[in-house]
Protein backbone atom coordinates (compact mmCIF):
# COMPACT_ATOMS: atom_id res chain seq x y z
CA MET A 1 38.44 39.17 142.41
CA ALA A 2 40.46 42.36 141.48
CA GLU A 3 43.66 41.32 138.78
CA LYS A 4 46.55 42.26 140.81
CA ILE A 5 49.09 44.72 140.13
CA LYS A 6 51.67 42.14 139.37
CA GLU A 7 49.39 40.14 137.06
CA LEU A 8 49.70 43.11 134.53
CA PRO A 9 52.13 43.25 131.33
CA PHE A 10 55.26 44.83 132.73
CA SER A 11 54.68 47.86 130.72
CA GLU A 12 51.29 48.48 133.00
CA GLN A 13 53.14 48.27 136.30
CA PRO A 14 53.14 51.62 137.51
CA TYR A 15 56.39 51.01 140.12
CA GLU A 16 58.12 49.08 137.38
CA LYS A 17 57.47 51.58 134.99
CA CYS A 18 58.71 54.57 137.48
CA GLU A 19 61.81 52.61 138.53
CA GLU A 20 62.35 51.98 135.14
CA PHE A 21 61.65 54.82 133.15
CA GLY A 22 61.04 57.78 135.80
CA PRO A 23 57.67 59.39 136.83
CA GLU A 24 57.63 61.92 134.29
CA TYR A 25 56.43 58.72 132.04
CA LEU A 26 53.77 57.21 134.15
CA THR A 27 50.71 58.30 132.78
CA ASP A 28 48.08 60.15 135.58
CA ALA A 29 46.18 57.12 136.32
CA GLU A 30 49.59 55.65 136.86
CA LEU A 31 50.98 58.24 138.69
CA LEU A 32 47.46 58.63 140.91
CA ALA A 33 47.80 54.50 141.29
CA VAL A 34 50.90 54.51 142.83
CA ILE A 35 49.93 57.67 145.27
CA LEU A 36 46.84 55.51 146.12
CA ARG A 37 48.87 52.49 147.24
CA SER A 38 46.29 49.80 147.16
CA GLY A 39 43.33 49.09 145.84
CA SER A 40 40.62 46.86 147.00
CA LYS A 41 38.90 43.19 146.82
CA GLU A 42 37.25 44.52 143.49
CA MET A 43 39.87 46.41 141.72
CA ASN A 44 43.37 47.33 141.83
CA SER A 45 44.99 50.65 141.93
CA LEU A 46 45.21 51.30 138.79
CA GLU A 47 41.55 50.70 138.27
CA MET A 48 40.66 52.13 141.27
CA ALA A 49 42.55 55.50 139.90
CA ARG A 50 40.62 55.19 136.48
CA GLN A 51 37.76 54.93 138.63
CA ILE A 52 38.18 58.20 140.15
CA LEU A 53 39.65 60.00 137.17
CA LYS A 54 36.64 59.50 135.37
CA LEU A 55 34.80 61.86 138.41
CA SER A 56 37.48 64.45 137.90
CA GLY A 57 35.34 66.26 135.42
CA THR A 58 38.47 67.11 133.07
CA GLN A 59 38.75 63.98 130.34
CA GLY A 60 40.39 62.09 132.96
CA SER A 61 42.95 64.37 134.31
CA ILE A 62 44.20 64.57 137.49
CA ALA A 63 43.94 68.00 137.52
CA GLY A 64 40.43 68.00 138.79
CA ILE A 65 40.89 65.89 141.39
CA GLU A 66 40.13 68.63 144.07
CA SER A 67 36.46 69.23 142.32
CA ILE A 68 35.61 65.75 143.01
CA ASP A 69 32.70 65.42 145.74
CA PRO A 70 33.90 63.01 148.66
CA CYS A 71 30.67 61.34 148.48
CA GLU A 72 31.25 60.53 144.86
CA LEU A 73 34.54 59.15 146.03
CA LYS A 74 33.24 57.40 148.51
CA ARG A 75 31.05 55.09 146.03
CA ILE A 76 33.73 53.87 144.52
CA PRO A 77 34.68 50.29 146.07
CA GLY A 78 37.55 50.53 148.86
CA VAL A 79 37.81 54.65 148.81
CA GLY A 80 36.90 55.80 152.58
CA ARG A 81 37.71 58.14 154.84
CA VAL A 82 41.76 57.85 154.78
CA LYS A 83 41.61 57.74 150.84
CA VAL A 84 39.54 60.70 150.91
CA ILE A 85 41.80 62.28 152.85
CA LEU A 86 44.67 61.40 150.68
CA LEU A 87 43.21 63.02 147.99
CA ARG A 88 42.34 65.95 149.15
CA CYS A 89 45.71 66.64 150.58
CA LEU A 90 47.48 65.56 147.15
CA ALA A 91 45.57 68.54 145.80
CA GLU A 92 46.73 70.65 148.15
CA TYR A 93 50.02 69.69 148.14
CA SER A 94 50.32 70.66 144.65
CA LYS A 95 48.96 74.27 145.13
CA ARG A 96 51.72 74.87 147.59
CA LEU A 97 54.27 73.24 145.47
CA TRP A 98 53.19 75.32 143.12
CA LYS A 99 53.63 78.44 145.26
CA ALA A 100 56.64 77.24 146.60
CA LYS A 101 58.71 77.39 142.71
CA ILE A 102 57.28 80.80 142.12
CA LYS A 103 57.73 82.16 146.02
CA GLY A 104 60.80 84.07 145.19
CA LYS A 105 59.27 85.81 141.89
CA THR A 106 57.05 87.79 144.11
CA ARG A 107 57.32 90.97 141.79
CA PHE A 108 54.00 91.18 139.74
CA THR A 109 54.64 93.80 136.63
CA ASP A 110 52.67 91.51 134.61
CA PRO A 111 49.03 90.31 134.80
CA LYS A 112 50.24 86.53 133.67
CA GLU A 113 52.42 86.50 136.99
CA CYS A 114 50.05 87.21 138.92
CA ALA A 115 47.04 85.13 137.54
CA ALA A 116 49.97 82.15 137.36
CA TYR A 117 50.07 82.86 141.62
CA PHE A 118 46.72 82.53 142.14
CA MET A 119 45.40 79.71 139.27
CA GLU A 120 45.72 76.85 141.70
CA ASP A 121 43.98 78.63 144.35
CA LEU A 122 40.92 79.75 142.76
CA ARG A 123 40.35 77.47 139.34
CA HIS A 124 38.62 74.89 140.41
CA LEU A 125 36.01 76.93 143.00
CA GLU A 126 32.69 76.18 142.83
CA GLN A 127 31.38 79.70 143.72
CA GLU A 128 32.84 82.92 142.86
CA VAL A 129 35.41 84.87 145.08
CA VAL A 130 37.18 88.18 144.96
CA VAL A 131 40.21 88.29 146.29
CA ALA A 132 42.42 91.75 146.12
CA VAL A 133 45.64 92.02 145.63
CA ILE A 134 48.01 94.80 147.22
CA LEU A 135 51.82 96.00 146.12
CA ASP A 136 54.16 98.75 146.18
CA SER A 137 55.23 101.40 143.67
CA LYS A 138 57.60 98.67 142.36
CA GLY A 139 55.32 96.05 141.75
CA ASN A 140 56.50 94.16 145.03
CA TYR A 141 53.50 91.90 146.24
CA LEU A 142 52.63 92.96 149.86
CA GLY A 143 49.51 90.33 150.42
CA SER A 144 46.21 89.28 149.41
CA ARG A 145 42.88 89.59 151.17
CA MET A 146 39.28 87.97 149.94
CA LEU A 147 36.82 90.23 149.65
CA THR A 148 33.67 88.79 148.79
CA VAL A 149 32.66 85.01 148.19
CA GLY A 150 29.54 83.74 146.48
CA LEU A 151 28.50 86.96 144.63
CA SER A 152 28.05 86.69 140.69
CA ASP A 153 28.28 90.27 140.33
CA CYS A 154 31.35 92.06 140.71
CA SER A 155 30.34 95.59 140.76
CA LEU A 156 29.25 94.50 144.47
CA ILE A 157 32.99 95.35 145.49
CA SER A 158 33.19 97.65 147.92
CA PRO A 159 36.09 100.30 147.07
CA LYS A 160 35.90 101.20 150.54
CA GLU A 161 36.99 97.72 152.03
CA LEU A 162 39.58 97.49 149.04
CA TYR A 163 40.87 101.06 149.29
CA SER A 164 40.96 100.92 153.26
CA TYR A 165 42.95 97.33 152.90
CA ALA A 166 45.76 98.84 150.51
CA LEU A 167 46.22 102.29 152.12
CA LYS A 168 46.30 100.38 155.66
CA ASN A 169 49.17 98.26 154.60
CA ASN A 170 50.93 101.41 152.52
CA ALA A 171 50.52 99.97 149.08
CA SER A 172 50.57 101.91 145.84
CA GLN A 173 48.58 99.58 143.45
CA VAL A 174 45.79 97.44 143.88
CA ILE A 175 44.91 94.47 141.40
CA ILE A 176 41.64 92.42 142.16
CA LEU A 177 40.65 88.62 140.73
CA HIS A 178 38.20 86.77 140.60
CA ASN A 179 37.14 83.46 139.09
CA HIS A 180 34.54 82.28 136.78
CA PRO A 181 33.70 78.65 137.98
CA GLY A 182 32.48 77.41 134.54
CA GLY A 183 35.96 77.94 133.70
CA ASP A 184 35.58 80.35 131.07
CA PRO A 185 36.91 83.65 132.19
CA THR A 186 35.73 85.91 129.73
CA PRO A 187 34.73 89.28 131.09
CA SER A 188 31.07 90.22 131.59
CA ARG A 189 29.62 94.27 130.90
CA GLU A 190 29.55 94.36 134.77
CA ASP A 191 32.86 93.27 135.25
CA MET A 192 34.26 96.12 133.24
CA GLU A 193 31.75 98.34 134.73
CA SER A 194 32.85 97.30 138.04
CA ALA A 195 36.81 98.45 137.24
CA LEU A 196 35.79 101.57 135.84
CA LYS A 197 34.44 102.48 139.40
CA LEU A 198 37.25 101.44 141.04
CA ILE A 199 39.69 103.27 138.53
CA ARG A 200 38.13 106.37 139.57
CA ALA A 201 38.06 105.62 143.41
CA GLY A 202 41.63 104.89 143.15
CA ASN A 203 42.34 107.92 141.33
CA MET A 204 40.97 109.82 144.11
CA LEU A 205 42.55 107.93 147.10
CA GLY A 206 45.96 108.15 144.86
CA VAL A 207 45.92 104.05 145.07
CA SER A 208 46.63 102.79 141.30
CA PHE A 209 44.11 100.16 140.41
CA ALA A 210 46.29 98.60 138.38
CA ASP A 211 44.51 95.32 137.07
CA SER A 212 41.15 93.20 137.31
CA ILE A 213 41.71 89.75 136.41
CA ILE A 214 39.42 87.30 135.81
CA ILE A 215 40.38 83.40 136.72
CA GLY A 216 39.44 80.28 134.22
CA ASP A 217 40.02 77.18 134.00
CA GLY A 218 44.04 77.36 133.60
CA THR A 219 43.42 80.19 131.92
CA TYR A 220 42.68 84.10 132.94
CA VAL A 221 41.56 87.62 131.13
CA SER A 222 43.41 90.69 131.92
CA LEU A 223 40.81 93.19 131.91
CA ARG A 224 43.58 96.20 131.69
CA LYS A 225 44.91 94.41 128.45
CA LEU A 226 41.79 93.91 126.82
CA TYR A 227 40.46 97.20 127.78
CA ASN A 228 43.29 99.48 127.23
CA GLU A 229 42.23 102.51 126.00
CA LYS A 230 39.10 102.73 128.74
CA TRP A 231 41.50 101.60 131.21
CA LYS A 232 42.73 105.26 131.08
CA ALA A 233 39.48 107.02 131.33
């Protein structure tokens, strides 16, 4: 029989701790326990939260919840369909909340801004995806579109598809972002070769290829900044 939350020391009771000190003082496990609301016969909500975080692959951090396989979650006693849906919605809520906070800042004049905007969409994906971002001449965000899914070689990006999308929407600049599922954003030789090819195609069409940004796990690399001299080629 699981020890009830109310039987724990006061300092370990998530609801009371939150009420007394505020949610910012809760650990990831305590915060997740509050969201889960209930545990099971085998474990209380705090123990359940700790078991879930062990599966996250991020040293017990709440950041990896999105990447947990639902089948693995359901192996935890008391975690069924409803709690799996709750956790998936929690991950989606966090992404939308982040975007809502920076939504007013839709002018990308620095790779840091663009990387931050798309970070939560791309950092946890298990497949590599390439996203095209189009901007006007002042860097105002006009839209984005997924170009490829599951391709590990960025040289397979179609310049025709990229620039057709830009020209149809009267864009003056394009940026491409792609993720490295392993979490390390270090660029490959193919990444730079692909960028140089897209720079040349953009020059011919009068559309600036502004940057190629690689998204890792909470970090990124801007090829434009990394290879500043080559970018002018």
